[in-house]
Amino acid sequence: IGLLLCGVMAFSMLAAGCSSNNTAPEEQQQNTQQASIFENEPLFVMPLAGNIVMDYSIDHAIYDATLDQYRTNDHISIGAKKGESVKASEDGTVESVKTDDERGITVVLNHGNGWQTTYSQLQEDVVVKEGDKVKKGQEIGFVAEPTKYSVALGEHMDFSIAKDGVTVDPKS
Protein backbone atom coordinates (compact mmCIF):
# COMPACT_ATOMS: atom_id res chain seq x y z
CA ILE A 1 0.00 0.00 0.00
CA GLY A 2 1.53 3.27 -0.96
CA LEU A 3 0.81 6.90 -0.47
CA LEU A 4 -1.62 8.34 -2.97
CA LEU A 5 -2.00 12.01 -3.81
CA CYS A 6 -5.38 13.48 -4.66
CA GLY A 7 -5.68 17.06 -5.84
CA VAL A 8 -4.17 19.41 -3.31
CA MET A 9 -3.74 16.95 -0.46
CA ALA A 10 -2.36 13.59 0.50
CA PHE A 11 -4.39 11.00 2.36
CA SER A 12 -2.63 8.31 4.32
CA MET A 13 -4.04 4.85 4.66
CA LEU A 14 -3.85 2.65 7.72
CA ALA A 15 -2.36 -0.61 6.51
CA ALA A 16 -4.72 -2.90 8.36
CA GLY A 17 -7.97 -1.86 6.85
CA CYS A 18 -8.30 0.61 4.07
CA SER A 19 -7.73 -1.65 1.14
CA SER A 20 -10.27 -3.34 -1.04
CA ASN A 21 -11.04 -7.03 -0.58
CA ASN A 22 -8.60 -8.04 -3.31
CA THR A 23 -5.48 -6.75 -1.55
CA ALA A 24 -3.10 -9.44 -0.35
CA PRO A 25 -2.89 -9.79 3.47
CA GLU A 26 0.86 -9.19 3.42
CA GLU A 27 0.25 -5.83 1.73
CA GLN A 28 -2.29 -4.95 4.43
CA GLN A 29 0.42 -5.44 7.07
CA GLN A 30 2.78 -2.83 5.63
CA ASN A 31 3.07 0.49 7.43
CA THR A 32 2.42 3.70 5.54
CA GLN A 33 3.80 7.15 6.05
CA GLN A 34 1.92 10.43 6.07
CA ALA A 35 3.05 13.28 3.89
CA SER A 36 1.52 16.43 2.56
CA ILE A 37 2.76 18.64 -0.20
CA PHE A 38 0.87 21.61 1.28
CA GLU A 39 1.56 22.78 4.80
CA ASN A 40 -1.95 23.41 6.13
CA GLU A 41 -3.89 20.55 4.55
CA PRO A 42 -5.19 17.68 6.69
CA LEU A 43 -3.70 14.18 6.59
CA PHE A 44 -6.66 11.84 6.93
CA VAL A 45 -6.39 8.29 8.20
CA MET A 46 -9.04 5.57 8.15
CA PRO A 47 -11.38 5.63 11.16
CA LEU A 48 -10.98 1.91 11.81
CA ALA A 49 -9.32 -1.17 10.36
CA GLY A 50 -11.36 -3.44 8.09
CA ASN A 51 -12.06 -4.48 4.54
CA ILE A 52 -14.04 -2.23 2.24
CA VAL A 53 -17.38 -3.98 1.70
CA MET A 54 -18.77 -1.31 -0.63
CA ASP A 55 -16.46 1.00 -2.52
CA TYR A 56 -16.63 4.70 -3.39
CA SER A 57 -17.92 5.23 -6.92
CA ILE A 58 -19.45 8.46 -8.15
CA ASP A 59 -18.44 8.07 -11.81
CA HIS A 60 -20.23 4.79 -12.49
CA ALA A 61 -22.89 2.63 -10.88
CA ILE A 62 -21.89 -0.29 -8.68
CA TYR A 63 -24.07 -3.12 -7.43
CA ASP A 64 -25.82 -2.66 -4.09
CA ALA A 65 -26.82 -6.11 -2.79
CA THR A 66 -29.25 -4.74 -0.19
CA LEU A 67 -31.24 -2.71 -2.70
CA ASP A 68 -30.63 -5.26 -5.50
CA GLN A 69 -29.78 -2.50 -7.95
CA TYR A 70 -26.88 -0.54 -9.39
CA ARG A 71 -26.19 2.92 -7.99
CA THR A 72 -23.39 5.42 -7.35
CA ASN A 73 -21.85 5.62 -3.88
CA ASP A 74 -20.33 8.76 -2.30
CA HIS A 75 -18.61 6.98 0.62
CA ILE A 76 -16.86 3.75 1.51
CA SER A 77 -18.34 1.09 3.77
CA ILE A 78 -15.74 -0.55 6.02
CA GLY A 79 -16.57 -3.97 7.46
CA ALA A 80 -16.29 -4.03 11.26
CA LYS A 81 -17.81 -5.79 14.23
CA LYS A 82 -20.68 -4.23 16.15
CA GLY A 83 -19.27 -2.21 19.04
CA GLU A 84 -15.88 -1.63 17.39
CA SER A 85 -14.39 1.80 18.10
CA VAL A 86 -14.59 4.46 15.37
CA LYS A 87 -11.93 7.18 15.56
CA ALA A 88 -11.55 10.67 14.13
CA SER A 89 -9.49 10.58 10.95
CA GLU A 90 -8.02 14.04 11.63
CA ASP A 91 -8.25 16.88 14.15
CA GLY A 92 -11.52 18.78 13.89
CA THR A 93 -14.73 20.05 15.44
CA VAL A 94 -17.97 18.09 15.69
CA GLU A 95 -20.31 19.89 13.31
CA SER A 96 -23.32 17.65 13.89
CA VAL A 97 -24.62 14.40 15.35
CA LYS A 98 -27.76 13.32 13.52
CA THR A 99 -29.95 10.33 12.74
CA ASP A 100 -31.66 9.27 9.53
CA ASP A 101 -33.24 6.06 8.27
CA GLU A 102 -30.65 5.37 5.57
CA ARG A 103 -27.36 6.06 7.40
CA GLY A 104 -28.40 5.65 11.05
CA ILE A 105 -26.48 7.69 13.62
CA THR A 106 -24.01 10.00 11.84
CA VAL A 107 -21.20 12.23 13.15
CA VAL A 108 -19.88 15.01 10.90
CA LEU A 109 -16.49 16.59 11.66
CA ASN A 110 -15.32 19.92 10.24
CA HIS A 111 -11.56 20.08 9.68
CA GLY A 112 -11.40 23.67 8.41
CA ASN A 113 -10.40 24.92 4.98
CA GLY A 114 -13.54 23.32 3.47
CA TRP A 115 -12.69 19.75 4.63
CA GLN A 116 -15.31 17.56 6.27
CA THR A 117 -15.52 13.87 7.27
CA THR A 118 -18.69 11.88 7.90
CA TYR A 119 -18.97 8.69 9.99
CA SER A 120 -22.26 6.75 9.77
CA GLN A 121 -23.85 3.49 10.96
CA LEU A 122 -22.86 4.33 14.55
CA GLN A 123 -24.43 3.25 17.84
CA GLU A 124 -26.57 5.77 19.71
CA ASP A 125 -23.96 6.15 22.47
CA VAL A 126 -21.58 8.35 20.48
CA VAL A 127 -18.93 9.87 22.74
CA VAL A 128 -18.91 13.35 21.15
CA LYS A 129 -21.44 16.14 20.86
CA GLU A 130 -21.87 19.12 18.56
CA GLY A 131 -19.13 21.69 19.14
CA ASP A 132 -16.60 19.27 20.68
CA LYS A 133 -12.99 19.55 19.52
CA VAL A 134 -11.48 16.17 18.60
CA LYS A 135 -7.97 14.97 17.88
CA LYS A 136 -6.89 12.54 15.18
CA GLY A 137 -7.34 9.02 16.54
CA GLN A 138 -9.78 10.07 19.27
CA GLU A 139 -12.74 7.75 19.74
CA ILE A 140 -15.97 9.32 18.49
CA GLY A 141 -18.37 6.37 18.50
CA PHE A 142 -18.96 2.67 17.91
CA VAL A 143 -20.15 0.54 15.00
CA ALA A 144 -23.87 -0.31 15.12
CA GLU A 145 -26.04 -2.89 13.42
CA PRO A 146 -26.52 -1.79 9.80
CA THR A 147 -29.73 0.00 8.84
CA LYS A 148 -32.21 -1.79 6.60
CA TYR A 149 -30.73 0.12 3.65
CA SER A 150 -27.34 -1.62 3.94
CA VAL A 151 -28.04 -4.83 5.84
CA ALA A 152 -26.61 -7.07 3.06
CA LEU A 153 -23.16 -5.54 3.69
CA GLY A 154 -23.09 -6.98 7.20
CA GLU A 155 -21.79 -5.01 10.17
CA HIS A 156 -19.88 -1.96 8.91
CA MET A 157 -19.50 1.79 9.15
CA ASP A 158 -19.75 4.34 6.35
CA PHE A 159 -17.00 6.93 5.90
CA SER A 160 -16.76 9.90 3.57
CA ILE A 161 -14.46 12.86 3.00
CA ALA A 162 -15.58 16.08 1.30
CA LYS A 163 -13.80 19.23 0.19
CA ASP A 164 -16.05 22.27 -0.20
CA GLY A 165 -19.12 20.00 -0.19
CA VAL A 166 -17.86 17.65 -2.92
CA THR A 167 -16.98 14.12 -1.84
CA VAL A 168 -13.59 12.65 -2.71
CA ASP A 169 -12.51 9.01 -2.60
CA PRO A 170 -11.29 8.35 0.97
CA LYS A 171 -8.77 5.84 -0.34
CA SER A 172 -6.88 8.32 -2.52
C-alpha atoms as a PDB file:
ATOM      1  CA  ILE A   1       0.000   0.000   0.000  1.00  0.00           C
ATOM      2  CA  GLY A   2       1.529   3.271  -0.961  1.00  0.00           C
ATOM      3  CA  LEU A   3       0.814   6.902  -0.474  1.00  0.00           C
ATOM      4  CA  LEU A   4      -1.625   8.343  -2.968  1.00  0.00           C
ATOM      5  CA  LEU A   5      -2.004  12.012  -3.814  1.00  0.00           C
ATOM      6  CA  CYS A   6      -5.381  13.479  -4.663  1.00  0.00           C
ATOM      7  CA  GLY A   7      -5.681  17.063  -5.839  1.00  0.00           C
ATOM      8  CA  VAL A   8      -4.169  19.405  -3.310  1.00  0.00           C
ATOM      9  CA  MET A   9      -3.744  16.945  -0.456  1.00  0.00           C
ATOM     10  CA  ALA A  10      -2.360  13.590   0.496  1.00  0.00           C
ATOM     11  CA  PHE A  11      -4.390  10.999   2.362  1.00  0.00           C
ATOM     12  CA  SER A  12      -2.632   8.311   4.318  1.00  0.00           C
ATOM     13  CA  MET A  13      -4.044   4.848   4.661  1.00  0.00           C
ATOM     14  CA  LEU A  14      -3.852   2.651   7.720  1.00  0.00           C
ATOM     15  CA  ALA A  15      -2.362  -0.607   6.509  1.00  0.00           C
ATOM     16  CA  ALA A  16      -4.724  -2.899   8.360  1.00  0.00           C
ATOM     17  CA  GLY A  17      -7.971  -1.862   6.851  1.00  0.00           C
ATOM     18  CA  CYS A  18      -8.301   0.614   4.069  1.00  0.00           C
ATOM     19  CA  SER A  19      -7.725  -1.653   1.138  1.00  0.00           C
ATOM     20  CA  SER A  20     -10.268  -3.344  -1.043  1.00  0.00           C
ATOM     21  CA  ASN A  21     -11.036  -7.026  -0.580  1.00  0.00           C
ATOM     22  CA  ASN A  22      -8.599  -8.039  -3.311  1.00  0.00           C
ATOM     23  CA  THR A  23      -5.477  -6.747  -1.550  1.00  0.00           C
ATOM     24  CA  ALA A  24      -3.103  -9.441  -0.351  1.00  0.00           C
ATOM     25  CA  PRO A  25      -2.885  -9.794   3.467  1.00  0.00           C
ATOM     26  CA  GLU A  26       0.865  -9.189   3.417  1.00  0.00           C
ATOM     27  CA  GLU A  27       0.247  -5.828   1.729  1.00  0.00           C
ATOM     28  CA  GLN A  28      -2.289  -4.953   4.430  1.00  0.00           C
ATOM     29  CA  GLN A  29       0.417  -5.442   7.070  1.00  0.00           C
ATOM     30  CA  GLN A  30       2.780  -2.835   5.630  1.00  0.00           C
ATOM     31  CA  ASN A  31       3.070   0.490   7.425  1.00  0.00           C
ATOM     32  CA  THR A  32       2.419   3.698   5.542  1.00  0.00           C
ATOM     33  CA  GLN A  33       3.795   7.154   6.048  1.00  0.00           C
ATOM     34  CA  GLN A  34       1.924  10.434   6.066  1.00  0.00           C
ATOM     35  CA  ALA A  35       3.046  13.278   3.894  1.00  0.00           C
ATOM     36  CA  SER A  36       1.515  16.428   2.560  1.00  0.00           C
ATOM     37  CA  ILE A  37       2.758  18.642  -0.198  1.00  0.00           C
ATOM     38  CA  PHE A  38       0.870  21.605   1.280  1.00  0.00           C
ATOM     39  CA  GLU A  39       1.563  22.782   4.802  1.00  0.00           C
ATOM     40  CA  ASN A  40      -1.949  23.411   6.134  1.00  0.00           C
ATOM     41  CA  GLU A  41      -3.888  20.552   4.548  1.00  0.00           C
ATOM     42  CA  PRO A  42      -5.190  17.680   6.695  1.00  0.00           C
ATOM     43  CA  LEU A  43      -3.696  14.178   6.586  1.00  0.00           C
ATOM     44  CA  PHE A  44      -6.659  11.840   6.925  1.00  0.00           C
ATOM     45  CA  VAL A  45      -6.387   8.286   8.201  1.00  0.00           C
ATOM     46  CA  MET A  46      -9.036   5.571   8.146  1.00  0.00           C
ATOM     47  CA  PRO A  47     -11.378   5.633  11.162  1.00  0.00           C
ATOM     48  CA  LEU A  48     -10.981   1.907  11.806  1.00  0.00           C
ATOM     49  CA  ALA A  49      -9.323  -1.175  10.356  1.00  0.00           C
ATOM     50  CA  GLY A  50     -11.362  -3.441   8.088  1.00  0.00           C
ATOM     51  CA  ASN A  51     -12.062  -4.476   4.542  1.00  0.00           C
ATOM     52  CA  ILE A  52     -14.039  -2.231   2.237  1.00  0.00           C
ATOM     53  CA  VAL A  53     -17.377  -3.981   1.700  1.00  0.00           C
ATOM     54  CA  MET A  54     -18.768  -1.306  -0.633  1.00  0.00           C
ATOM     55  CA  ASP A  55     -16.460   1.004  -2.516  1.00  0.00           C
ATOM     56  CA  TYR A  56     -16.630   4.696  -3.387  1.00  0.00           C
ATOM     57  CA  SER A  57     -17.918   5.231  -6.919  1.00  0.00           C
ATOM     58  CA  ILE A  58     -19.449   8.460  -8.146  1.00  0.00           C
ATOM     59  CA  ASP A  59     -18.444   8.067 -11.805  1.00  0.00           C
ATOM     60  CA  HIS A  60     -20.226   4.793 -12.494  1.00  0.00           C
ATOM     61  CA  ALA A  61     -22.894   2.635 -10.884  1.00  0.00           C
ATOM     62  CA  ILE A  62     -21.889  -0.290  -8.681  1.00  0.00           C
ATOM     63  CA  TYR A  63     -24.072  -3.123  -7.435  1.00  0.00           C
ATOM     64  CA  ASP A  64     -25.817  -2.663  -4.089  1.00  0.00           C
ATOM     65  CA  ALA A  65     -26.820  -6.112  -2.785  1.00  0.00           C
ATOM     66  CA  THR A  66     -29.254  -4.739  -0.191  1.00  0.00           C
ATOM     67  CA  LEU A  67     -31.236  -2.710  -2.705  1.00  0.00           C
ATOM     68  CA  ASP A  68     -30.632  -5.264  -5.502  1.00  0.00           C
ATOM     69  CA  GLN A  69     -29.784  -2.495  -7.945  1.00  0.00           C
ATOM     70  CA  TYR A  70     -26.885  -0.541  -9.392  1.00  0.00           C
ATOM     71  CA  ARG A  71     -26.191   2.921  -7.986  1.00  0.00           C
ATOM     72  CA  THR A  72     -23.391   5.415  -7.349  1.00  0.00           C
ATOM     73  CA  ASN A  73     -21.852   5.624  -3.878  1.00  0.00           C
ATOM     74  CA  ASP A  74     -20.329   8.756  -2.302  1.00  0.00           C
ATOM     75  CA  HIS A  75     -18.611   6.979   0.620  1.00  0.00           C
ATOM     76  CA  ILE A  76     -16.863   3.745   1.505  1.00  0.00           C
ATOM     77  CA  SER A  77     -18.345   1.092   3.775  1.00  0.00           C
ATOM     78  CA  ILE A  78     -15.744  -0.547   6.016  1.00  0.00           C
ATOM     79  CA  GLY A  79     -16.573  -3.971   7.456  1.00  0.00           C
ATOM     80  CA  ALA A  80     -16.293  -4.026  11.258  1.00  0.00           C
ATOM     81  CA  LYS A  81     -17.807  -5.793  14.233  1.00  0.00           C
ATOM     82  CA  LYS A  82     -20.681  -4.228  16.146  1.00  0.00           C
ATOM     83  CA  GLY A  83     -19.265  -2.211  19.036  1.00  0.00           C
ATOM     84  CA  GLU A  84     -15.875  -1.627  17.394  1.00  0.00           C
ATOM     85  CA  SER A  85     -14.394   1.801  18.098  1.00  0.00           C
ATOM     86  CA  VAL A  86     -14.587   4.463  15.370  1.00  0.00           C
ATOM     87  CA  LYS A  87     -11.932   7.184  15.560  1.00  0.00           C
ATOM     88  CA  ALA A  88     -11.554  10.672  14.129  1.00  0.00           C
ATOM     89  CA  SER A  89      -9.492  10.582  10.948  1.00  0.00           C
ATOM     90  CA  GLU A  90      -8.023  14.043  11.626  1.00  0.00           C
ATOM     91  CA  ASP A  91      -8.251  16.884  14.151  1.00  0.00           C
ATOM     92  CA  GLY A  92     -11.520  18.780  13.894  1.00  0.00           C
ATOM     93  CA  THR A  93     -14.733  20.053  15.439  1.00  0.00           C
ATOM     94  CA  VAL A  94     -17.974  18.085  15.695  1.00  0.00           C
ATOM     95  CA  GLU A  95     -20.307  19.893  13.312  1.00  0.00           C
ATOM     96  CA  SER A  96     -23.322  17.646  13.885  1.00  0.00           C
ATOM     97  CA  VAL A  97     -24.616  14.405  15.346  1.00  0.00           C
ATOM     98  CA  LYS A  98     -27.761  13.322  13.521  1.00  0.00           C
ATOM     99  CA  THR A  99     -29.946  10.328  12.741  1.00  0.00           C
ATOM    100  CA  ASP A 100     -31.660   9.270   9.527  1.00  0.00           C
ATOM    101  CA  ASP A 101     -33.241   6.058   8.271  1.00  0.00           C
ATOM    102  CA  GLU A 102     -30.648   5.367   5.572  1.00  0.00           C
ATOM    103  CA  ARG A 103     -27.364   6.063   7.402  1.00  0.00           C
ATOM    104  CA  GLY A 104     -28.396   5.645  11.046  1.00  0.00           C
ATOM    105  CA  ILE A 105     -26.477   7.695  13.621  1.00  0.00           C
ATOM    106  CA  THR A 106     -24.008  10.000  11.839  1.00  0.00           C
ATOM    107  CA  VAL A 107     -21.203  12.227  13.153  1.00  0.00           C
ATOM    108  CA  VAL A 108     -19.878  15.009  10.901  1.00  0.00           C
ATOM    109  CA  LEU A 109     -16.494  16.593  11.656  1.00  0.00           C
ATOM    110  CA  ASN A 110     -15.324  19.916  10.243  1.00  0.00           C
ATOM    111  CA  HIS A 111     -11.557  20.084   9.683  1.00  0.00           C
ATOM    112  CA  GLY A 112     -11.396  23.671   8.410  1.00  0.00           C
ATOM    113  CA  ASN A 113     -10.397  24.925   4.983  1.00  0.00           C
ATOM    114  CA  GLY A 114     -13.539  23.316   3.474  1.00  0.00           C
ATOM    115  CA  TRP A 115     -12.687  19.753   4.628  1.00  0.00           C
ATOM    116  CA  GLN A 116     -15.309  17.559   6.274  1.00  0.00           C
ATOM    117  CA  THR A 117     -15.518  13.871   7.268  1.00  0.00           C
ATOM    118  CA  THR A 118     -18.685  11.876   7.902  1.00  0.00           C
ATOM    119  CA  TYR A 119     -18.973   8.690   9.990  1.00  0.00           C
ATOM    120  CA  SER A 120     -22.264   6.745   9.767  1.00  0.00           C
ATOM    121  CA  GLN A 121     -23.851   3.492  10.958  1.00  0.00           C
ATOM    122  CA  LEU A 122     -22.864   4.329  14.550  1.00  0.00           C
ATOM    123  CA  GLN A 123     -24.435   3.246  17.836  1.00  0.00           C
ATOM    124  CA  GLU A 124     -26.574   5.766  19.712  1.00  0.00           C
ATOM    125  CA  ASP A 125     -23.964   6.147  22.466  1.00  0.00           C
ATOM    126  CA  VAL A 126     -21.577   8.352  20.480  1.00  0.00           C
ATOM    127  CA  VAL A 127     -18.927   9.873  22.741  1.00  0.00           C
ATOM    128  CA  VAL A 128     -18.911  13.346  21.152  1.00  0.00           C
ATOM    129  CA  LYS A 129     -21.444  16.138  20.858  1.00  0.00           C
ATOM    130  CA  GLU A 130     -21.870  19.118  18.563  1.00  0.00           C
ATOM    131  CA  GLY A 131     -19.126  21.695  19.144  1.00  0.00           C
ATOM    132  CA  ASP A 132     -16.604  19.266  20.679  1.00  0.00           C
ATOM    133  CA  LYS A 133     -12.989  19.550  19.524  1.00  0.00           C
ATOM    134  CA  VAL A 134     -11.482  16.166  18.604  1.00  0.00           C
ATOM    135  CA  LYS A 135      -7.966  14.973  17.880  1.00  0.00           C
ATOM    136  CA  LYS A 136      -6.893  12.537  15.180  1.00  0.00           C
ATOM    137  CA  GLY A 137      -7.337   9.016  16.539  1.00  0.00           C
ATOM    138  CA  GLN A 138      -9.784  10.073  19.275  1.00  0.00           C
ATOM    139  CA  GLU A 139     -12.742   7.754  19.736  1.00  0.00           C
ATOM    140  CA  ILE A 140     -15.974   9.317  18.493  1.00  0.00           C
ATOM    141  CA  GLY A 141     -18.370   6.369  18.496  1.00  0.00           C
ATOM    142  CA  PHE A 142     -18.958   2.667  17.914  1.00  0.00           C
ATOM    143  CA  VAL A 143     -20.148   0.536  15.000  1.00  0.00           C
ATOM    144  CA  ALA A 144     -23.874  -0.312  15.121  1.00  0.00           C
ATOM    145  CA  GLU A 145     -26.045  -2.893  13.417  1.00  0.00           C
ATOM    146  CA  PRO A 146     -26.520  -1.792   9.799  1.00  0.00           C
ATOM    147  CA  THR A 147     -29.725  -0.005   8.836  1.00  0.00           C
ATOM    148  CA  LYS A 148     -32.214  -1.791   6.599  1.00  0.00           C
ATOM    149  CA  TYR A 149     -30.728   0.117   3.646  1.00  0.00           C
ATOM    150  CA  SER A 150     -27.345  -1.621   3.944  1.00  0.00           C
ATOM    151  CA  VAL A 151     -28.043  -4.834   5.837  1.00  0.00           C
ATOM    152  CA  ALA A 152     -26.607  -7.069   3.062  1.00  0.00           C
ATOM    153  CA  LEU A 153     -23.162  -5.542   3.692  1.00  0.00           C
ATOM    154  CA  GLY A 154     -23.086  -6.984   7.204  1.00  0.00           C
ATOM    155  CA  GLU A 155     -21.794  -5.007  10.168  1.00  0.00           C
ATOM    156  CA  HIS A 156     -19.876  -1.961   8.914  1.00  0.00           C
ATOM    157  CA  MET A 157     -19.503   1.790   9.154  1.00  0.00           C
ATOM    158  CA  ASP A 158     -19.748   4.336   6.349  1.00  0.00           C
ATOM    159  CA  PHE A 159     -16.996   6.930   5.904  1.00  0.00           C
ATOM    160  CA  SER A 160     -16.755   9.903   3.568  1.00  0.00           C
ATOM    161  CA  ILE A 161     -14.464  12.859   3.000  1.00  0.00           C
ATOM    162  CA  ALA A 162     -15.583  16.080   1.305  1.00  0.00           C
ATOM    163  CA  LYS A 163     -13.804  19.230   0.195  1.00  0.00           C
ATOM    164  CA  ASP A 164     -16.053  22.274  -0.204  1.00  0.00           C
ATOM    165  CA  GLY A 165     -19.116  20.004  -0.192  1.00  0.00           C
ATOM    166  CA  VAL A 166     -17.859  17.651  -2.917  1.00  0.00           C
ATOM    167  CA  THR A 167     -16.976  14.122  -1.844  1.00  0.00           C
ATOM    168  CA  VAL A 168     -13.585  12.646  -2.705  1.00  0.00           C
ATOM    169  CA  ASP A 169     -12.507   9.013  -2.597  1.00  0.00           C
ATOM    170  CA  PRO A 170     -11.294   8.346   0.967  1.00  0.00           C
ATOM    171  CA  LYS A 171      -8.766   5.838  -0.343  1.00  0.00           C
ATOM    172  CA  SER A 172      -6.884   8.319  -2.517  1.00  0.00           C
END
